[in-house]
Each structure stands twice: as structure tokens, then as C-alpha cells.
Amino acid sequence: MSAPSLNNAIHGLYAITDPALTPDERLLPAAEAALFGGARLLQYRDKIASRDQRQRRASQLRALCHEYDALFIVNDDPVLAAEVGADGVHIGQSDGGIAAARALLGEQRVIGVTCHGDLALARDAARAGADYLAMGRFFPSSTKPHAPAAEIHCLKQACEEFHLPVVAIGGVNPDNAPLLIQAGAASVAVIEALFGHSDPADIEAAARRFSTLF
């Protein structure tokens, strides 16, 4: 299957893998369960695997995402994203910047940027050509417990100010996600509330709960 259209693609459930929750042989079954349950984007996030492992897994995940007409995003590594033909990359504030990522990936790929709860960072990212803005953490997170907290009113302001999709992240679960969607979030990014389940059937069920919120 060809890559999904990038037009209006940043919407719905955004699943993010985690090497502690989706290690080795669990990665592909867990990712497929999330996609089968309705995830529209999937981000490969793994800072501990070897380069060869990351390239192989990213290639496998890209193929899987395109079977489900979902976008495949690589975390923090524009070079890897380019190598495997990912649909885009998600970068933090210290990952080389949007211009460098754009030079590697071209105009047709998605670049998302972490903006925490800082509207000034969001404005900078929007001016620099980001395709979506990720804001959070909005709730306590076991994955990133020390990430700076963000306020719902900042999410609402960002959604009103920028003509870009805003992705809400940080401790999101099916019970608190409606607050973020009501504030204007185009998408919610989820790690623990999806991949904290060990059974793929439970991952699929959780994904369906999130997907019905949109």
C-alpha cells in the first residue's frame, strides 16, 4: 500500500512506542494492535537499541503503518526517518532544528516539534515550518515524570492561535483525553495507556476507546 495522504493527517490517536513497554519481539504485535484499534499515527521511539536494530524495526513499522493507512513517524532522528522512508520525524528542542530536518526529508514529509507548555516555543516552531506542534505534559506521566507540566489553557490558546494541528501529550488516558480534545487538540499522543498493556487484545481495546473520542 502507498503512503497515506498527509493532508489533514494529524488527527486522532497518536501511538508512541517505548522500548521498556514494547521490547524486541513485542514491538510489532503491540504496534499492529494499536493500529487495528484505530491509531492514525505511530511514532517509533527507541533511544537504546543499536543503529542496525533501529533501522530494521523502523522499516518494519513503516510497512505495517502503511498497511493500515496510518502515518509512520520516527522520534528524534531525521537521518533514520530519511533512510527508511518514514512519513516524518518528531524532534525535540535539542534535536538539530526544523531546517536541518527539512533539508533531509523534503517538503512532503511531516515534522513535528515538542513545545512543552511554552507558547513562545510554539510560535518559533510554527514560523520555522513545523507541520504540527506537540504540547504537554498535561497530566502526570510515568514515561516522562520530570517533563515540565503544561496547562490546559495553554493548549486552548495554541489551538486558537496557530493554523497547525496541536498534539497533546503527557499522561493521557481515555478518561482525561476528552479535556484535551475539547480544548482543541487535533490528536492525543499515548504511550503508557496503550502499551502498558501486555496483551495485544487489551492494546487494541484501549486504542478503540481513544479512537471513539474523535
N, C-alpha and C. Protein backbone atom coordinates (compact mmCIF):
# COMPACT_ATOMS: atom_id res chain seq x y z
N MET A 1 0.85 -1.20 0.00
CA MET A 1 0.00 0.00 0.00
C MET A 1 0.88 1.24 0.00
N SER A 2 0.46 2.26 -0.73
CA SER A 2 1.23 3.50 -0.76
C SER A 2 1.05 4.26 0.53
N ALA A 3 1.92 5.26 0.73
CA ALA A 3 1.84 6.06 1.95
C ALA A 3 0.52 6.79 2.02
N PRO A 4 -0.04 6.96 3.20
CA PRO A 4 -1.29 7.69 3.34
C PRO A 4 -1.11 9.16 2.99
N SER A 5 -2.21 9.80 2.64
CA SER A 5 -2.15 11.22 2.35
C SER A 5 -1.76 12.00 3.60
N LEU A 6 -0.91 13.03 3.41
CA LEU A 6 -0.50 13.84 4.55
C LEU A 6 -1.46 14.99 4.81
N ASN A 7 -2.42 15.20 3.90
CA ASN A 7 -3.37 16.29 4.09
C ASN A 7 -4.32 15.95 5.25
N ASN A 8 -4.39 16.84 6.23
CA ASN A 8 -5.25 16.65 7.40
C ASN A 8 -4.97 15.33 8.12
N ALA A 9 -3.71 14.88 8.06
CA ALA A 9 -3.37 13.57 8.59
C ALA A 9 -3.13 13.57 10.09
N ILE A 10 -2.84 14.72 10.68
CA ILE A 10 -2.54 14.76 12.11
C ILE A 10 -3.86 14.88 12.86
N HIS A 11 -4.48 13.74 13.10
CA HIS A 11 -5.79 13.74 13.73
C HIS A 11 -6.02 12.36 14.36
N GLY A 12 -6.61 12.35 15.53
CA GLY A 12 -6.95 11.09 16.17
C GLY A 12 -5.87 10.58 17.10
N LEU A 13 -5.86 9.27 17.29
CA LEU A 13 -4.94 8.65 18.23
C LEU A 13 -3.54 8.56 17.63
N TYR A 14 -2.56 9.01 18.40
CA TYR A 14 -1.15 9.01 18.01
C TYR A 14 -0.43 8.10 19.00
N ALA A 15 -0.10 6.89 18.55
CA ALA A 15 0.55 5.90 19.41
C ALA A 15 2.06 6.06 19.37
N ILE A 16 2.70 6.01 20.52
CA ILE A 16 4.15 6.15 20.61
C ILE A 16 4.73 4.92 21.30
N THR A 17 5.64 4.25 20.63
CA THR A 17 6.25 3.06 21.22
C THR A 17 7.27 3.46 22.28
N ASP A 18 7.61 2.49 23.11
CA ASP A 18 8.58 2.72 24.18
C ASP A 18 9.36 1.43 24.38
N PRO A 19 10.70 1.49 24.38
CA PRO A 19 11.48 0.25 24.44
C PRO A 19 11.25 -0.56 25.71
N ALA A 20 10.86 0.09 26.80
CA ALA A 20 10.60 -0.65 28.03
C ALA A 20 9.26 -1.38 27.97
N LEU A 21 8.30 -0.80 27.27
CA LEU A 21 6.95 -1.38 27.20
C LEU A 21 6.76 -2.26 25.97
N THR A 22 7.51 -1.96 24.91
CA THR A 22 7.37 -2.72 23.65
C THR A 22 8.74 -3.22 23.20
N PRO A 23 9.38 -4.06 23.99
CA PRO A 23 10.72 -4.51 23.64
C PRO A 23 10.71 -5.60 22.56
N ASP A 24 11.75 -5.63 21.77
CA ASP A 24 12.08 -6.74 20.90
C ASP A 24 10.87 -7.35 20.20
N GLU A 25 10.57 -8.62 20.54
CA GLU A 25 9.54 -9.36 19.81
C GLU A 25 8.13 -8.84 20.10
N ARG A 26 7.95 -7.99 21.12
CA ARG A 26 6.63 -7.45 21.42
C ARG A 26 6.29 -6.23 20.57
N LEU A 27 7.30 -5.62 19.95
CA LEU A 27 7.10 -4.34 19.29
C LEU A 27 6.06 -4.43 18.16
N LEU A 28 6.27 -5.32 17.22
CA LEU A 28 5.38 -5.38 16.06
C LEU A 28 3.95 -5.81 16.43
N PRO A 29 3.76 -6.86 17.25
CA PRO A 29 2.38 -7.20 17.64
C PRO A 29 1.68 -6.07 18.39
N ALA A 30 2.42 -5.38 19.26
CA ALA A 30 1.81 -4.27 20.01
C ALA A 30 1.43 -3.13 19.06
N ALA A 31 2.34 -2.80 18.14
CA ALA A 31 2.05 -1.72 17.18
C ALA A 31 0.86 -2.07 16.31
N GLU A 32 0.81 -3.31 15.85
CA GLU A 32 -0.31 -3.70 14.98
C GLU A 32 -1.63 -3.66 15.75
N ALA A 33 -1.61 -4.04 17.02
CA ALA A 33 -2.83 -3.98 17.82
C ALA A 33 -3.34 -2.54 17.94
N ALA A 34 -2.41 -1.60 18.15
CA ALA A 34 -2.80 -0.19 18.25
C ALA A 34 -3.37 0.31 16.92
N LEU A 35 -2.74 -0.08 15.83
CA LEU A 35 -3.21 0.34 14.51
C LEU A 35 -4.57 -0.29 14.19
N PHE A 36 -4.73 -1.56 14.52
CA PHE A 36 -6.00 -2.24 14.29
C PHE A 36 -7.11 -1.60 15.11
N GLY A 37 -6.74 -1.07 16.28
CA GLY A 37 -7.72 -0.40 17.13
C GLY A 37 -8.02 1.03 16.71
N GLY A 38 -7.30 1.53 15.72
CA GLY A 38 -7.65 2.84 15.17
C GLY A 38 -6.60 3.93 15.26
N ALA A 39 -5.39 3.64 15.73
CA ALA A 39 -4.35 4.67 15.76
C ALA A 39 -4.09 5.18 14.35
N ARG A 40 -4.04 6.50 14.21
CA ARG A 40 -3.85 7.12 12.90
C ARG A 40 -2.39 7.49 12.65
N LEU A 41 -1.61 7.57 13.71
CA LEU A 41 -0.17 7.84 13.61
C LEU A 41 0.53 6.91 14.59
N LEU A 42 1.73 6.51 14.22
CA LEU A 42 2.54 5.72 15.13
C LEU A 42 3.97 6.24 15.08
N GLN A 43 4.51 6.52 16.25
CA GLN A 43 5.88 7.02 16.36
C GLN A 43 6.78 5.95 16.97
N TYR A 44 7.90 5.71 16.28
CA TYR A 44 8.90 4.78 16.80
C TYR A 44 9.86 5.57 17.66
N ARG A 45 9.84 5.27 18.96
CA ARG A 45 10.68 5.98 19.93
C ARG A 45 11.54 4.94 20.65
N ASP A 46 12.83 4.97 20.39
CA ASP A 46 13.75 4.00 20.98
C ASP A 46 15.14 4.59 20.98
N LYS A 47 15.61 4.94 22.18
CA LYS A 47 16.91 5.59 22.31
C LYS A 47 18.00 4.62 22.76
N ILE A 48 17.67 3.31 22.87
CA ILE A 48 18.65 2.39 23.43
C ILE A 48 19.08 1.28 22.48
N ALA A 49 18.30 1.01 21.45
CA ALA A 49 18.67 -0.05 20.51
C ALA A 49 19.86 0.38 19.66
N SER A 50 20.52 -0.60 19.06
CA SER A 50 21.64 -0.30 18.16
C SER A 50 21.11 0.33 16.87
N ARG A 51 22.02 0.92 16.11
CA ARG A 51 21.62 1.55 14.85
C ARG A 51 20.98 0.53 13.91
N ASP A 52 21.58 -0.64 13.79
CA ASP A 52 21.02 -1.67 12.92
C ASP A 52 19.65 -2.11 13.38
N GLN A 53 19.49 -2.28 14.69
CA GLN A 53 18.18 -2.67 15.23
C GLN A 53 17.14 -1.61 14.94
N ARG A 54 17.50 -0.38 15.16
CA ARG A 54 16.55 0.72 14.95
C ARG A 54 16.16 0.82 13.47
N GLN A 55 17.11 0.64 12.59
CA GLN A 55 16.80 0.72 11.16
C GLN A 55 15.88 -0.42 10.74
N ARG A 56 16.16 -1.63 11.23
CA ARG A 56 15.32 -2.77 10.87
C ARG A 56 13.91 -2.60 11.43
N ARG A 57 13.81 -2.21 12.69
CA ARG A 57 12.49 -2.06 13.31
C ARG A 57 11.71 -0.92 12.67
N ALA A 58 12.39 0.17 12.37
CA ALA A 58 11.70 1.30 11.74
C ALA A 58 11.17 0.91 10.36
N SER A 59 11.94 0.15 9.61
CA SER A 59 11.48 -0.30 8.29
C SER A 59 10.25 -1.19 8.41
N GLN A 60 10.26 -2.08 9.40
CA GLN A 60 9.12 -2.96 9.62
C GLN A 60 7.88 -2.17 10.04
N LEU A 61 8.08 -1.21 10.91
CA LEU A 61 6.95 -0.41 11.38
C LEU A 61 6.39 0.47 10.27
N ARG A 62 7.25 0.99 9.43
CA ARG A 62 6.77 1.80 8.30
C ARG A 62 5.85 0.97 7.42
N ALA A 63 6.28 -0.25 7.08
CA ALA A 63 5.46 -1.12 6.24
C ALA A 63 4.13 -1.43 6.92
N LEU A 64 4.17 -1.69 8.22
CA LEU A 64 2.97 -2.01 8.97
C LEU A 64 2.00 -0.83 9.00
N CYS A 65 2.52 0.35 9.27
CA CYS A 65 1.66 1.54 9.30
C CYS A 65 0.97 1.76 7.96
N HIS A 66 1.68 1.55 6.88
CA HIS A 66 1.08 1.81 5.57
C HIS A 66 0.05 0.75 5.21
N GLU A 67 0.14 -0.44 5.80
CA GLU A 67 -0.93 -1.43 5.62
C GLU A 67 -2.23 -0.91 6.22
N TYR A 68 -2.12 -0.10 7.25
CA TYR A 68 -3.30 0.43 7.95
C TYR A 68 -3.59 1.88 7.57
N ASP A 69 -2.92 2.37 6.54
CA ASP A 69 -3.13 3.75 6.08
C ASP A 69 -2.90 4.76 7.19
N ALA A 70 -1.90 4.48 8.01
CA ALA A 70 -1.52 5.37 9.12
C ALA A 70 -0.14 5.96 8.85
N LEU A 71 0.13 7.10 9.45
CA LEU A 71 1.43 7.75 9.28
C LEU A 71 2.47 7.12 10.21
N PHE A 72 3.68 6.96 9.69
CA PHE A 72 4.78 6.45 10.49
C PHE A 72 5.78 7.57 10.73
N ILE A 73 6.03 7.88 12.01
CA ILE A 73 6.91 8.96 12.42
C ILE A 73 8.08 8.38 13.22
N VAL A 74 9.27 8.89 12.98
CA VAL A 74 10.45 8.49 13.73
C VAL A 74 10.75 9.57 14.77
N ASN A 75 11.09 9.16 15.97
CA ASN A 75 11.40 10.10 17.03
C ASN A 75 12.86 10.54 16.97
N ASP A 76 13.09 11.83 16.95
CA ASP A 76 14.41 12.44 17.22
C ASP A 76 15.51 12.19 16.19
N ASP A 77 15.22 11.49 15.09
CA ASP A 77 16.30 11.07 14.20
C ASP A 77 15.91 11.29 12.74
N PRO A 78 16.10 12.51 12.20
CA PRO A 78 15.75 12.77 10.81
C PRO A 78 16.52 11.89 9.83
N VAL A 79 17.76 11.53 10.17
CA VAL A 79 18.56 10.69 9.27
C VAL A 79 17.90 9.32 9.13
N LEU A 80 17.51 8.72 10.25
CA LEU A 80 16.84 7.43 10.20
C LEU A 80 15.51 7.54 9.47
N ALA A 81 14.78 8.61 9.73
CA ALA A 81 13.50 8.81 9.05
C ALA A 81 13.70 8.84 7.53
N ALA A 82 14.74 9.52 7.08
CA ALA A 82 15.02 9.59 5.64
C ALA A 82 15.43 8.22 5.11
N GLU A 83 16.25 7.51 5.86
CA GLU A 83 16.76 6.21 5.41
C GLU A 83 15.65 5.19 5.18
N VAL A 84 14.65 5.19 6.05
CA VAL A 84 13.60 4.17 5.96
C VAL A 84 12.36 4.67 5.23
N GLY A 85 12.38 5.90 4.76
CA GLY A 85 11.22 6.44 4.05
C GLY A 85 10.03 6.69 4.95
N ALA A 86 10.30 7.11 6.18
CA ALA A 86 9.21 7.43 7.12
C ALA A 86 8.39 8.60 6.59
N ASP A 87 7.18 8.70 7.10
CA ASP A 87 6.32 9.82 6.72
C ASP A 87 6.73 11.12 7.39
N GLY A 88 7.58 11.01 8.41
CA GLY A 88 8.03 12.21 9.07
C GLY A 88 8.88 11.92 10.28
N VAL A 89 9.18 12.99 10.99
CA VAL A 89 10.04 12.90 12.17
C VAL A 89 9.46 13.81 13.25
N HIS A 90 9.66 13.41 14.49
CA HIS A 90 9.31 14.27 15.62
C HIS A 90 10.60 14.67 16.32
N ILE A 91 10.80 15.97 16.48
CA ILE A 91 12.05 16.45 17.08
C ILE A 91 11.76 17.26 18.34
N GLY A 92 12.71 17.17 19.27
CA GLY A 92 12.65 17.97 20.48
C GLY A 92 13.35 19.30 20.28
N GLN A 93 13.56 20.01 21.36
CA GLN A 93 14.19 21.33 21.27
C GLN A 93 15.70 21.24 21.09
N SER A 94 16.27 20.04 21.20
CA SER A 94 17.73 19.90 21.07
C SER A 94 18.11 18.86 20.02
N ASP A 95 17.26 18.71 19.01
CA ASP A 95 17.49 17.66 18.01
C ASP A 95 17.88 18.19 16.63
N GLY A 96 18.48 19.38 16.57
CA GLY A 96 19.02 19.85 15.31
C GLY A 96 18.19 20.85 14.55
N GLY A 97 16.95 21.04 14.95
CA GLY A 97 16.14 22.08 14.35
C GLY A 97 15.36 21.64 13.12
N ILE A 98 14.34 22.45 12.79
CA ILE A 98 13.44 22.14 11.70
C ILE A 98 14.13 22.25 10.35
N ALA A 99 14.97 23.26 10.16
CA ALA A 99 15.60 23.46 8.85
C ALA A 99 16.46 22.27 8.46
N ALA A 100 17.21 21.75 9.40
CA ALA A 100 18.07 20.60 9.11
C ALA A 100 17.22 19.38 8.78
N ALA A 101 16.14 19.17 9.54
CA ALA A 101 15.26 18.04 9.26
C ALA A 101 14.59 18.19 7.90
N ARG A 102 14.16 19.40 7.59
CA ARG A 102 13.51 19.64 6.30
C ARG A 102 14.47 19.40 5.14
N ALA A 103 15.73 19.77 5.32
CA ALA A 103 16.71 19.56 4.26
C ALA A 103 16.89 18.07 3.97
N LEU A 104 16.78 17.25 5.00
CA LEU A 104 16.91 15.80 4.82
C LEU A 104 15.65 15.16 4.26
N LEU A 105 14.50 15.63 4.72
CA LEU A 105 13.25 14.94 4.43
C LEU A 105 12.44 15.54 3.29
N GLY A 106 12.70 16.80 2.96
CA GLY A 106 11.93 17.45 1.90
C GLY A 106 10.62 18.03 2.39
N GLU A 107 9.90 18.63 1.48
CA GLU A 107 8.69 19.37 1.83
C GLU A 107 7.48 18.47 2.06
N GLN A 108 7.52 17.24 1.58
CA GLN A 108 6.34 16.39 1.63
C GLN A 108 6.25 15.53 2.89
N ARG A 109 7.25 15.63 3.76
CA ARG A 109 7.25 14.83 4.99
C ARG A 109 6.84 15.68 6.18
N VAL A 110 6.32 15.03 7.19
CA VAL A 110 5.81 15.70 8.38
C VAL A 110 6.96 15.95 9.36
N ILE A 111 7.00 17.15 9.92
CA ILE A 111 7.93 17.47 11.00
C ILE A 111 7.12 18.01 12.18
N GLY A 112 7.17 17.27 13.27
CA GLY A 112 6.52 17.70 14.50
C GLY A 112 7.56 18.14 15.51
N VAL A 113 7.19 19.07 16.36
CA VAL A 113 8.14 19.67 17.29
C VAL A 113 7.55 19.71 18.70
N THR A 114 8.36 19.28 19.67
CA THR A 114 7.98 19.39 21.08
C THR A 114 8.05 20.85 21.53
N CYS A 115 6.97 21.33 22.06
CA CYS A 115 6.91 22.73 22.52
C CYS A 115 6.58 22.84 24.01
N HIS A 116 6.49 21.71 24.70
CA HIS A 116 6.17 21.67 26.13
C HIS A 116 4.86 22.44 26.37
N GLY A 117 4.85 23.34 27.31
CA GLY A 117 3.68 24.18 27.53
C GLY A 117 4.00 25.62 27.22
N ASP A 118 4.94 25.84 26.30
CA ASP A 118 5.52 27.16 26.06
C ASP A 118 5.03 27.71 24.72
N LEU A 119 4.20 28.73 24.78
CA LEU A 119 3.66 29.32 23.55
C LEU A 119 4.74 30.00 22.72
N ALA A 120 5.78 30.50 23.36
CA ALA A 120 6.88 31.12 22.60
C ALA A 120 7.59 30.07 21.76
N LEU A 121 7.83 28.88 22.32
CA LEU A 121 8.42 27.79 21.55
C LEU A 121 7.50 27.37 20.41
N ALA A 122 6.22 27.36 20.68
CA ALA A 122 5.25 27.00 19.64
C ALA A 122 5.27 28.01 18.50
N ARG A 123 5.36 29.30 18.84
CA ARG A 123 5.42 30.33 17.79
C ARG A 123 6.68 30.17 16.95
N ASP A 124 7.80 29.91 17.62
CA ASP A 124 9.06 29.72 16.89
C ASP A 124 8.95 28.52 15.94
N ALA A 125 8.38 27.43 16.44
CA ALA A 125 8.25 26.23 15.61
C ALA A 125 7.32 26.47 14.43
N ALA A 126 6.22 27.18 14.67
CA ALA A 126 5.28 27.48 13.59
C ALA A 126 5.95 28.34 12.51
N ARG A 127 6.69 29.35 12.95
CA ARG A 127 7.40 30.22 11.99
C ARG A 127 8.45 29.45 11.20
N ALA A 128 9.07 28.47 11.84
CA ALA A 128 10.15 27.72 11.19
C ALA A 128 9.64 26.63 10.27
N GLY A 129 8.32 26.42 10.24
CA GLY A 129 7.77 25.48 9.28
C GLY A 129 7.37 24.13 9.83
N ALA A 130 7.10 24.03 11.13
CA ALA A 130 6.62 22.77 11.69
C ALA A 130 5.27 22.41 11.09
N ASP A 131 5.01 21.12 11.00
CA ASP A 131 3.72 20.65 10.49
C ASP A 131 2.73 20.38 11.61
N TYR A 132 3.23 20.10 12.80
CA TYR A 132 2.37 20.02 13.97
C TYR A 132 3.18 20.40 15.20
N LEU A 133 2.47 20.82 16.23
CA LEU A 133 3.07 21.24 17.49
C LEU A 133 2.64 20.26 18.58
N ALA A 134 3.59 19.72 19.31
CA ALA A 134 3.27 18.82 20.42
C ALA A 134 3.40 19.58 21.73
N MET A 135 2.35 19.57 22.51
CA MET A 135 2.35 20.30 23.77
C MET A 135 2.00 19.36 24.92
N GLY A 136 2.64 19.58 26.07
CA GLY A 136 2.42 18.74 27.24
C GLY A 136 3.71 18.67 28.05
N ARG A 137 3.71 18.04 29.22
CA ARG A 137 2.75 17.04 29.64
C ARG A 137 1.60 17.69 30.43
N PHE A 138 0.41 17.23 30.16
CA PHE A 138 -0.76 17.79 30.80
C PHE A 138 -1.16 17.06 32.07
N PHE A 139 -0.71 15.82 32.20
CA PHE A 139 -1.03 15.00 33.38
C PHE A 139 0.23 14.26 33.81
N PRO A 140 0.28 13.76 35.04
CA PRO A 140 1.46 13.01 35.48
C PRO A 140 1.76 11.85 34.54
N SER A 141 3.05 11.70 34.22
CA SER A 141 3.46 10.70 33.25
C SER A 141 4.55 9.81 33.83
N SER A 142 4.34 8.50 33.73
CA SER A 142 5.37 7.58 34.19
C SER A 142 6.50 7.45 33.17
N THR A 143 6.22 7.78 31.92
CA THR A 143 7.25 7.71 30.88
C THR A 143 8.21 8.88 30.98
N LYS A 144 7.65 10.07 31.22
CA LYS A 144 8.48 11.27 31.37
C LYS A 144 8.07 12.00 32.65
N PRO A 145 8.41 11.44 33.79
CA PRO A 145 7.92 12.01 35.05
C PRO A 145 8.47 13.40 35.35
N HIS A 146 9.62 13.74 34.77
CA HIS A 146 10.24 15.02 35.08
C HIS A 146 10.01 16.07 33.99
N ALA A 147 9.22 15.74 33.00
CA ALA A 147 8.90 16.72 31.96
C ALA A 147 8.12 17.88 32.58
N PRO A 148 8.36 19.10 32.11
CA PRO A 148 7.63 20.24 32.68
C PRO A 148 6.14 20.12 32.45
N ALA A 149 5.38 20.53 33.45
CA ALA A 149 3.93 20.47 33.35
C ALA A 149 3.41 21.57 32.43
N ALA A 150 2.31 21.28 31.76
CA ALA A 150 1.66 22.26 30.88
C ALA A 150 0.21 22.42 31.34
N GLU A 151 -0.36 23.57 31.04
CA GLU A 151 -1.72 23.88 31.47
C GLU A 151 -2.69 23.78 30.29
N ILE A 152 -3.90 23.35 30.60
CA ILE A 152 -4.91 23.19 29.55
C ILE A 152 -5.18 24.50 28.82
N HIS A 153 -5.12 25.61 29.56
CA HIS A 153 -5.42 26.90 28.92
C HIS A 153 -4.36 27.24 27.86
N CYS A 154 -3.12 26.77 28.05
CA CYS A 154 -2.09 26.98 27.02
C CYS A 154 -2.39 26.17 25.77
N LEU A 155 -2.90 24.96 25.97
CA LEU A 155 -3.30 24.15 24.82
C LEU A 155 -4.42 24.83 24.05
N LYS A 156 -5.40 25.34 24.76
CA LYS A 156 -6.52 26.01 24.10
C LYS A 156 -6.03 27.23 23.33
N GLN A 157 -5.14 28.01 23.94
CA GLN A 157 -4.62 29.19 23.26
C GLN A 157 -3.82 28.81 22.01
N ALA A 158 -3.01 27.77 22.13
CA ALA A 158 -2.23 27.32 20.98
C ALA A 158 -3.13 26.87 19.84
N CYS A 159 -4.19 26.15 20.18
CA CYS A 159 -5.11 25.68 19.15
C CYS A 159 -5.83 26.83 18.47
N GLU A 160 -6.08 27.89 19.22
CA GLU A 160 -6.75 29.06 18.65
C GLU A 160 -5.80 29.93 17.84
N GLU A 161 -4.53 29.99 18.27
CA GLU A 161 -3.58 30.92 17.65
C GLU A 161 -2.94 30.39 16.38
N PHE A 162 -2.64 29.10 16.36
CA PHE A 162 -1.85 28.56 15.25
C PHE A 162 -2.73 27.78 14.28
N HIS A 163 -2.45 27.96 13.01
CA HIS A 163 -3.18 27.22 11.98
C HIS A 163 -2.46 25.91 11.70
N LEU A 164 -2.18 25.20 12.77
CA LEU A 164 -1.47 23.93 12.70
C LEU A 164 -2.13 22.95 13.67
N PRO A 165 -2.08 21.66 13.38
CA PRO A 165 -2.58 20.70 14.35
C PRO A 165 -1.73 20.73 15.63
N VAL A 166 -2.39 20.63 16.75
CA VAL A 166 -1.69 20.54 18.04
C VAL A 166 -1.93 19.16 18.62
N VAL A 167 -0.84 18.50 18.96
CA VAL A 167 -0.88 17.17 19.56
C VAL A 167 -0.66 17.32 21.06
N ALA A 168 -1.57 16.78 21.86
CA ALA A 168 -1.44 16.85 23.32
C ALA A 168 -0.83 15.56 23.83
N ILE A 169 0.12 15.70 24.75
CA ILE A 169 0.86 14.55 25.24
C ILE A 169 1.09 14.66 26.75
N GLY A 170 1.30 13.51 27.37
CA GLY A 170 1.70 13.52 28.77
C GLY A 170 0.64 12.97 29.70
N GLY A 171 0.74 11.66 30.02
CA GLY A 171 -0.19 11.07 30.95
C GLY A 171 -1.61 10.95 30.44
N VAL A 172 -1.77 10.92 29.12
CA VAL A 172 -3.11 10.89 28.53
C VAL A 172 -3.71 9.49 28.66
N ASN A 173 -4.96 9.44 29.11
CA ASN A 173 -5.70 8.18 29.16
C ASN A 173 -7.12 8.43 28.65
N PRO A 174 -7.92 7.38 28.47
CA PRO A 174 -9.26 7.60 27.91
C PRO A 174 -10.16 8.48 28.75
N ASP A 175 -9.87 8.60 30.05
CA ASP A 175 -10.71 9.42 30.92
C ASP A 175 -10.39 10.90 30.84
N ASN A 176 -9.09 11.24 30.66
CA ASN A 176 -8.74 12.66 30.61
C ASN A 176 -8.57 13.19 29.19
N ALA A 177 -8.50 12.30 28.20
CA ALA A 177 -8.33 12.76 26.82
C ALA A 177 -9.45 13.69 26.35
N PRO A 178 -10.72 13.49 26.76
CA PRO A 178 -11.76 14.41 26.31
C PRO A 178 -11.48 15.87 26.68
N LEU A 179 -10.83 16.13 27.81
CA LEU A 179 -10.49 17.50 28.19
C LEU A 179 -9.58 18.14 27.15
N LEU A 180 -8.64 17.35 26.63
CA LEU A 180 -7.69 17.86 25.65
C LEU A 180 -8.35 18.06 24.29
N ILE A 181 -9.21 17.13 23.93
CA ILE A 181 -9.90 17.24 22.64
C ILE A 181 -10.86 18.43 22.67
N GLN A 182 -11.54 18.63 23.78
CA GLN A 182 -12.45 19.76 23.91
C GLN A 182 -11.70 21.09 23.85
N ALA A 183 -10.43 21.09 24.30
CA ALA A 183 -9.62 22.31 24.26
C ALA A 183 -9.09 22.58 22.85
N GLY A 184 -9.26 21.63 21.95
CA GLY A 184 -8.87 21.85 20.56
C GLY A 184 -7.80 20.93 20.01
N ALA A 185 -7.28 20.02 20.83
CA ALA A 185 -6.22 19.13 20.34
C ALA A 185 -6.72 18.31 19.15
N ALA A 186 -5.93 18.30 18.08
CA ALA A 186 -6.27 17.50 16.91
C ALA A 186 -5.98 16.03 17.14
N SER A 187 -5.07 15.78 18.06
CA SER A 187 -4.59 14.42 18.30
C SER A 187 -4.12 14.31 19.74
N VAL A 188 -4.18 13.10 20.28
CA VAL A 188 -3.58 12.84 21.58
C VAL A 188 -2.53 11.76 21.41
N ALA A 189 -1.35 12.01 21.97
CA ALA A 189 -0.24 11.06 21.89
C ALA A 189 -0.23 10.22 23.15
N VAL A 190 -0.14 8.90 22.98
CA VAL A 190 -0.31 7.99 24.10
C VAL A 190 0.78 6.92 24.09
N ILE A 191 1.36 6.68 25.25
CA ILE A 191 2.34 5.61 25.41
C ILE A 191 1.80 4.59 26.42
N GLU A 192 1.84 4.95 27.69
CA GLU A 192 1.53 4.03 28.79
C GLU A 192 0.11 3.47 28.72
N ALA A 193 -0.87 4.31 28.41
CA ALA A 193 -2.26 3.86 28.42
C ALA A 193 -2.57 2.91 27.27
N LEU A 194 -1.66 2.82 26.31
CA LEU A 194 -1.77 1.81 25.25
C LEU A 194 -0.83 0.64 25.53
N PHE A 195 0.46 0.96 25.53
CA PHE A 195 1.47 -0.09 25.54
C PHE A 195 1.84 -0.57 26.94
N GLY A 196 1.18 0.00 27.96
CA GLY A 196 1.31 -0.55 29.29
C GLY A 196 0.58 -1.87 29.44
N HIS A 197 -0.28 -2.18 28.46
CA HIS A 197 -0.96 -3.48 28.43
C HIS A 197 -0.04 -4.51 27.79
N SER A 198 0.02 -5.69 28.35
CA SER A 198 0.89 -6.73 27.79
C SER A 198 0.20 -7.56 26.72
N ASP A 199 -1.12 -7.63 26.75
CA ASP A 199 -1.88 -8.43 25.80
C ASP A 199 -2.28 -7.56 24.61
N PRO A 200 -1.94 -7.98 23.38
CA PRO A 200 -2.35 -7.18 22.21
C PRO A 200 -3.84 -6.90 22.15
N ALA A 201 -4.65 -7.83 22.64
CA ALA A 201 -6.10 -7.60 22.64
C ALA A 201 -6.47 -6.41 23.52
N ASP A 202 -5.76 -6.24 24.62
CA ASP A 202 -6.02 -5.10 25.51
C ASP A 202 -5.52 -3.79 24.89
N ILE A 203 -4.41 -3.87 24.15
CA ILE A 203 -3.91 -2.69 23.44
C ILE A 203 -4.93 -2.25 22.39
N GLU A 204 -5.44 -3.21 21.65
CA GLU A 204 -6.45 -2.90 20.63
C GLU A 204 -7.68 -2.26 21.26
N ALA A 205 -8.14 -2.83 22.38
CA ALA A 205 -9.33 -2.30 23.05
C ALA A 205 -9.09 -0.87 23.54
N ALA A 206 -7.90 -0.62 24.09
CA ALA A 206 -7.58 0.74 24.55
C ALA A 206 -7.55 1.70 23.37
N ALA A 207 -6.96 1.26 22.26
CA ALA A 207 -6.91 2.12 21.08
C ALA A 207 -8.31 2.46 20.59
N ARG A 208 -9.20 1.50 20.64
CA ARG A 208 -10.58 1.75 20.21
C ARG A 208 -11.26 2.77 21.13
N ARG A 209 -10.98 2.68 22.43
CA ARG A 209 -11.56 3.65 23.36
C ARG A 209 -11.12 5.06 23.01
N PHE A 210 -9.82 5.22 22.72
CA PHE A 210 -9.33 6.54 22.34
C PHE A 210 -9.94 6.99 21.01
N SER A 211 -9.97 6.07 20.04
CA SER A 211 -10.39 6.45 18.69
C SER A 211 -11.83 6.91 18.65
N THR A 212 -12.68 6.34 19.52
CA THR A 212 -14.09 6.75 19.52
C THR A 212 -14.29 8.16 20.08
N LEU A 213 -13.25 8.72 20.69
CA LEU A 213 -13.37 10.07 21.24
C LEU A 213 -13.31 11.15 20.16
N PHE A 214 -12.82 10.78 18.99
CA PHE A 214 -12.63 11.78 17.92
C PHE A 214 -13.80 11.77 16.93
